[in-house]
Each structure stands twice: as structure tokens, then as C-alpha cells.
Amino acid sequence: MTIVYDLLEAVKKELDSNPLVNTVSFGYIPEVEMMKTTIYPLSHIYMPDGFVDGGLITFNLEIYCLDQVDENKDSVSDLFIGNDNLQDVLNEQMQVMLALISAIRQNTSALNIRLSEDSVVTWEVINENMGKDIYGYKASIPIIIQNTNLLC
């Protein structure tokens, strides 16, 4: 049974194919952030929980889409835009997240993964514990896979 491997590889492959992503990682996010060699923009996969319901397995994935915010040393001329590229970072990382959600909804991966018809994908802007110059989104995505393990 390779359901977890297959799921993670399908999500990784989709993220790797996005030109707005330089690095894809997996695991507990603070451990990744402690590595000083991370090349941003970063997409990170974490699988905190899930459940089995008859013939279906639901994995609740957390997908982090993060990038570094660069600050311009010049004085602020526009208070709305500010003197950094935060809006650019948030816009690009939203594009990464929405492309992944769209691919899962359209079931474009070789693995038969999907969102349920009534699935709601939620996200939040993330910065805490990421460092002062790392921003992006954390999306919670419930992914459904056919249970091929006859023992469950």
C-alpha cells in the first residue's frame, strides 16, 4: 500500500511544475524554517490528520506557500503599497495555492485524488514563527482518495 507516498508525490509534482515555486518540502514546518539553506519561494506540505469513512480516505493537508519579502531602503512614497514587495508576495503565493486547488478539483494528477463536492478549502495569511521577512499562506485542503486497503 503506497497511498501516502502516492498522494505526497502527486501534490509535490503539481507544486514543482509551478514556475512561481523554487522549493517543495515536507514535514513539520518549524523544522524546515530552521534550515538556513531554504530557497524561496517555498511550498511546504504537512499532513496533520485524516480519517477513513468506508471506502474513502480523507487526508487533511496543510499547504504552505511562502516567500521572502524584500524591503526597499528608499523612503515610503505610497503608504498603501509601502516600501516592500509584500503585496507581490501575497499575490504570487495566492496564485500558487489556487493553481494547486484547481488541479486537485479537476483531478489532473495521475493519482485519483479529489476534493469532495462540499469541501471547503480555507487559508490564512501566515507570518508567525516564519521570521520577520517570510510571508504567504497556509491552506487547509481535505483530499479524498479511494481506500484500496481491503482491511479497513
C-alpha atoms as a PDB file:
ATOM      1  CA  MET A   1       0.000   0.000   0.000  1.00  0.00           C
ATOM      2  CA  THR A   2       1.544   3.280  -1.110  1.00  0.00           C
ATOM      3  CA  ILE A   3      -1.341   5.735  -0.655  1.00  0.00           C
ATOM      4  CA  VAL A   4       0.623   8.264   1.410  1.00  0.00           C
ATOM      5  CA  TYR A   5       3.652   8.156  -0.911  1.00  0.00           C
ATOM      6  CA  ASP A   6       1.434   8.496  -3.970  1.00  0.00           C
ATOM      7  CA  LEU A   7      -0.545  11.396  -2.523  1.00  0.00           C
ATOM      8  CA  LEU A   8       2.543  13.318  -1.448  1.00  0.00           C
ATOM      9  CA  GLU A   9       4.264  12.717  -4.782  1.00  0.00           C
ATOM     10  CA  ALA A  10       1.193  13.919  -6.719  1.00  0.00           C
ATOM     11  CA  VAL A  11       0.991  17.142  -4.699  1.00  0.00           C
ATOM     12  CA  LYS A  12       4.779  17.661  -4.918  1.00  0.00           C
ATOM     13  CA  LYS A  13       4.730  17.138  -8.679  1.00  0.00           C
ATOM     14  CA  GLU A  14       1.964  19.711  -9.085  1.00  0.00           C
ATOM     15  CA  LEU A  15       3.808  22.266  -6.956  1.00  0.00           C
ATOM     16  CA  ASP A  16       7.141  21.557  -8.698  1.00  0.00           C
ATOM     17  CA  SER A  17       5.521  22.297 -12.054  1.00  0.00           C
ATOM     18  CA  ASN A  18       4.593  25.820 -10.970  1.00  0.00           C
ATOM     19  CA  PRO A  19       7.176  28.411 -12.132  1.00  0.00           C
ATOM     20  CA  LEU A  20       6.448  30.504  -9.012  1.00  0.00           C
ATOM     21  CA  VAL A  21       7.869  27.731  -6.763  1.00  0.00           C
ATOM     22  CA  ASN A  22      11.587  27.113  -6.224  1.00  0.00           C
ATOM     23  CA  THR A  23      11.485  24.565  -3.386  1.00  0.00           C
ATOM     24  CA  VAL A  24       8.961  21.945  -2.244  1.00  0.00           C
ATOM     25  CA  SER A  25       9.394  20.399   1.197  1.00  0.00           C
ATOM     26  CA  PHE A  26       7.530  18.097   3.575  1.00  0.00           C
ATOM     27  CA  GLY A  27       7.271  17.747   7.332  1.00  0.00           C
ATOM     28  CA  TYR A  28       6.762  19.870  10.408  1.00  0.00           C
ATOM     29  CA  ILE A  29       7.152  23.467   9.190  1.00  0.00           C
ATOM     30  CA  PRO A  30       9.331  24.874  12.039  1.00  0.00           C
ATOM     31  CA  GLU A  31      11.965  22.244  11.249  1.00  0.00           C
ATOM     32  CA  VAL A  32      12.076  23.384   7.625  1.00  0.00           C
ATOM     33  CA  GLU A  33      12.267  27.038   8.604  1.00  0.00           C
ATOM     34  CA  MET A  34      15.261  26.341  10.821  1.00  0.00           C
ATOM     35  CA  MET A  35      17.242  25.247   7.766  1.00  0.00           C
ATOM     36  CA  LYS A  36      19.117  28.316   6.573  1.00  0.00           C
ATOM     37  CA  THR A  37      19.527  26.913   3.062  1.00  0.00           C
ATOM     38  CA  THR A  38      15.849  27.178   2.095  1.00  0.00           C
ATOM     39  CA  ILE A  39      15.463  28.698  -1.362  1.00  0.00           C
ATOM     40  CA  TYR A  40      12.290  30.753  -1.649  1.00  0.00           C
ATOM     41  CA  PRO A  41       9.583  30.793  -2.895  1.00  0.00           C
ATOM     42  CA  LEU A  42       8.816  27.670  -0.848  1.00  0.00           C
ATOM     43  CA  SER A  43       5.791  25.392  -0.958  1.00  0.00           C
ATOM     44  CA  HIS A  44       5.571  23.067   2.011  1.00  0.00           C
ATOM     45  CA  ILE A  45       3.341  20.028   2.567  1.00  0.00           C
ATOM     46  CA  TYR A  46       2.245  18.859   6.020  1.00  0.00           C
ATOM     47  CA  MET A  47      -0.276  16.115   6.776  1.00  0.00           C
ATOM     48  CA  PRO A  48      -1.527  16.589  10.353  1.00  0.00           C
ATOM     49  CA  ASP A  49      -4.557  14.275  10.304  1.00  0.00           C
ATOM     50  CA  GLY A  50      -7.244  12.470   8.346  1.00  0.00           C
ATOM     51  CA  PHE A  51      -9.932   9.828   8.614  1.00  0.00           C
ATOM     52  CA  VAL A  52     -11.384   6.731   6.948  1.00  0.00           C
ATOM     53  CA  ASP A  53     -15.066   6.659   6.008  1.00  0.00           C
ATOM     54  CA  GLY A  54     -15.930   3.356   4.397  1.00  0.00           C
ATOM     55  CA  GLY A  55     -14.314   3.180   1.003  1.00  0.00           C
ATOM     56  CA  LEU A  56     -12.799   6.665   1.184  1.00  0.00           C
ATOM     57  CA  ILE A  57      -9.786   8.098   2.979  1.00  0.00           C
ATOM     58  CA  THR A  58      -9.646  11.828   3.688  1.00  0.00           C
ATOM     59  CA  PHE A  59      -6.243  13.413   4.275  1.00  0.00           C
ATOM     60  CA  ASN A  60      -6.300  16.920   5.688  1.00  0.00           C
ATOM     61  CA  LEU A  61      -3.274  18.534   4.097  1.00  0.00           C
ATOM     62  CA  GLU A  62      -1.766  21.826   5.134  1.00  0.00           C
ATOM     63  CA  ILE A  63      -0.021  23.529   2.249  1.00  0.00           C
ATOM     64  CA  TYR A  64       2.231  26.482   2.982  1.00  0.00           C
ATOM     65  CA  CYS A  65       3.069  28.858   0.127  1.00  0.00           C
ATOM     66  CA  LEU A  66       5.778  31.233   1.346  1.00  0.00           C
ATOM     67  CA  ASP A  67       8.258  33.769   0.064  1.00  0.00           C
ATOM     68  CA  GLN A  68      10.653  36.383   1.373  1.00  0.00           C
ATOM     69  CA  VAL A  69       9.572  39.998   1.486  1.00  0.00           C
ATOM     70  CA  ASP A  70      12.230  42.404   0.274  1.00  0.00           C
ATOM     71  CA  GLU A  71      12.328  45.883   1.740  1.00  0.00           C
ATOM     72  CA  ASN A  72      13.306  48.896  -0.322  1.00  0.00           C
ATOM     73  CA  LYS A  73      15.657  51.208   1.579  1.00  0.00           C
ATOM     74  CA  ASP A  74      14.150  54.303  -0.057  1.00  0.00           C
ATOM     75  CA  SER A  75      11.633  56.365   1.848  1.00  0.00           C
ATOM     76  CA  VAL A  76       7.980  55.371   1.594  1.00  0.00           C
ATOM     77  CA  SER A  77       6.206  57.323  -1.133  1.00  0.00           C
ATOM     78  CA  ASP A  78       2.943  55.352  -1.066  1.00  0.00           C
ATOM     79  CA  LEU A  79       1.603  54.240   2.319  1.00  0.00           C
ATOM     80  CA  PHE A  80      -0.742  51.699   0.715  1.00  0.00           C
ATOM     81  CA  ILE A  81       1.975  49.890  -1.199  1.00  0.00           C
ATOM     82  CA  GLY A  82       4.691  50.609   1.362  1.00  0.00           C
ATOM     83  CA  ASN A  83       8.393  50.152   0.804  1.00  0.00           C
ATOM     84  CA  ASP A  84       8.416  46.394   0.312  1.00  0.00           C
ATOM     85  CA  ASN A  85       7.037  43.746  -2.026  1.00  0.00           C
ATOM     86  CA  LEU A  86       4.558  42.213   0.466  1.00  0.00           C
ATOM     87  CA  GLN A  87       1.599  42.644  -1.905  1.00  0.00           C
ATOM     88  CA  ASP A  88       3.567  40.964  -4.710  1.00  0.00           C
ATOM     89  CA  VAL A  89       4.495  38.059  -2.428  1.00  0.00           C
ATOM     90  CA  LEU A  90       0.889  37.574  -1.279  1.00  0.00           C
ATOM     91  CA  ASN A  91      -0.415  37.783  -4.850  1.00  0.00           C
ATOM     92  CA  GLU A  92       2.081  35.257  -6.245  1.00  0.00           C
ATOM     93  CA  GLN A  93       1.664  32.800  -3.384  1.00  0.00           C
ATOM     94  CA  MET A  94      -2.132  33.005  -3.755  1.00  0.00           C
ATOM     95  CA  GLN A  95      -1.630  32.061  -7.427  1.00  0.00           C
ATOM     96  CA  VAL A  96       0.415  29.006  -6.386  1.00  0.00           C
ATOM     97  CA  MET A  97      -2.230  27.906  -3.896  1.00  0.00           C
ATOM     98  CA  LEU A  98      -5.151  28.416  -6.281  1.00  0.00           C
ATOM     99  CA  ALA A  99      -3.352  26.522  -9.074  1.00  0.00           C
ATOM    100  CA  LEU A 100      -2.894  23.536  -6.747  1.00  0.00           C
ATOM    101  CA  ILE A 101      -6.529  23.644  -5.612  1.00  0.00           C
ATOM    102  CA  SER A 102      -7.678  23.885  -9.231  1.00  0.00           C
ATOM    103  CA  ALA A 103      -5.543  20.888 -10.255  1.00  0.00           C
ATOM    104  CA  ILE A 104      -6.977  18.820  -7.396  1.00  0.00           C
ATOM    105  CA  ARG A 105     -10.560  19.888  -8.204  1.00  0.00           C
ATOM    106  CA  GLN A 106     -10.023  18.975 -11.869  1.00  0.00           C
ATOM    107  CA  ASN A 107      -8.275  15.742 -10.828  1.00  0.00           C
ATOM    108  CA  THR A 108      -5.415  16.381 -13.244  1.00  0.00           C
ATOM    109  CA  SER A 109      -2.924  14.195 -11.348  1.00  0.00           C
ATOM    110  CA  ALA A 110      -2.314  10.571 -12.264  1.00  0.00           C
ATOM    111  CA  LEU A 111      -3.485   9.621  -8.767  1.00  0.00           C
ATOM    112  CA  ASN A 112      -7.249   9.587  -8.316  1.00  0.00           C
ATOM    113  CA  ILE A 113      -7.365  12.396  -5.741  1.00  0.00           C
ATOM    114  CA  ARG A 114     -10.167  14.873  -5.366  1.00  0.00           C
ATOM    115  CA  LEU A 115     -11.999  17.288  -3.151  1.00  0.00           C
ATOM    116  CA  SER A 116     -15.488  16.299  -2.109  1.00  0.00           C
ATOM    117  CA  GLU A 117     -18.298  18.260  -3.722  1.00  0.00           C
ATOM    118  CA  ASP A 118     -18.930  20.148  -0.485  1.00  0.00           C
ATOM    119  CA  SER A 119     -15.278  20.559   0.512  1.00  0.00           C
ATOM    120  CA  VAL A 120     -14.282  23.990   1.650  1.00  0.00           C
ATOM    121  CA  VAL A 121     -10.636  24.938   1.332  1.00  0.00           C
ATOM    122  CA  THR A 122      -9.630  27.514   3.911  1.00  0.00           C
ATOM    123  CA  TRP A 123      -6.494  29.609   4.098  1.00  0.00           C
ATOM    124  CA  GLU A 124      -4.897  32.246   6.245  1.00  0.00           C
ATOM    125  CA  VAL A 125      -2.059  34.697   5.839  1.00  0.00           C
ATOM    126  CA  ILE A 126       0.912  33.304   7.675  1.00  0.00           C
ATOM    127  CA  ASN A 127       3.905  35.003   9.197  1.00  0.00           C
ATOM    128  CA  GLU A 128       4.158  33.922  12.832  1.00  0.00           C
ATOM    129  CA  ASN A 129       7.126  31.687  13.572  1.00  0.00           C
ATOM    130  CA  MET A 130       8.334  32.189   9.998  1.00  0.00           C
ATOM    131  CA  GLY A 131      10.718  35.053  10.555  1.00  0.00           C
ATOM    132  CA  LYS A 132      10.029  38.710  10.058  1.00  0.00           C
ATOM    133  CA  ASP A 133      10.517  38.657   6.306  1.00  0.00           C
ATOM    134  CA  ILE A 134       8.671  35.416   5.384  1.00  0.00           C
ATOM    135  CA  TYR A 135       5.015  35.747   4.368  1.00  0.00           C
ATOM    136  CA  GLY A 136       2.447  33.740   2.487  1.00  0.00           C
ATOM    137  CA  TYR A 137      -0.497  31.442   3.073  1.00  0.00           C
ATOM    138  CA  LYS A 138      -1.342  28.255   4.866  1.00  0.00           C
ATOM    139  CA  ALA A 139      -4.189  26.389   3.174  1.00  0.00           C
ATOM    140  CA  SER A 140      -6.113  23.507   4.725  1.00  0.00           C
ATOM    141  CA  ILE A 141      -7.138  21.136   1.944  1.00  0.00           C
ATOM    142  CA  PRO A 142      -9.214  17.988   2.570  1.00  0.00           C
ATOM    143  CA  ILE A 143      -8.159  15.464  -0.084  1.00  0.00           C
ATOM    144  CA  ILE A 144     -10.187  12.320  -0.716  1.00  0.00           C
ATOM    145  CA  ILE A 145      -8.703   9.099  -2.067  1.00  0.00           C
ATOM    146  CA  GLN A 146     -10.334   5.758  -2.738  1.00  0.00           C
ATOM    147  CA  ASN A 147      -9.428   3.290   0.046  1.00  0.00           C
ATOM    148  CA  THR A 148      -7.676   0.386  -1.698  1.00  0.00           C
ATOM    149  CA  ASN A 149      -6.831  -1.357   1.568  1.00  0.00           C
ATOM    150  CA  LEU A 150      -9.456  -4.061   1.963  1.00  0.00           C
ATOM    151  CA  LEU A 151      -8.731  -4.440   5.688  1.00  0.00           C
ATOM    152  CA  CYS A 152     -10.162  -1.034   6.666  1.00  0.00           C
END
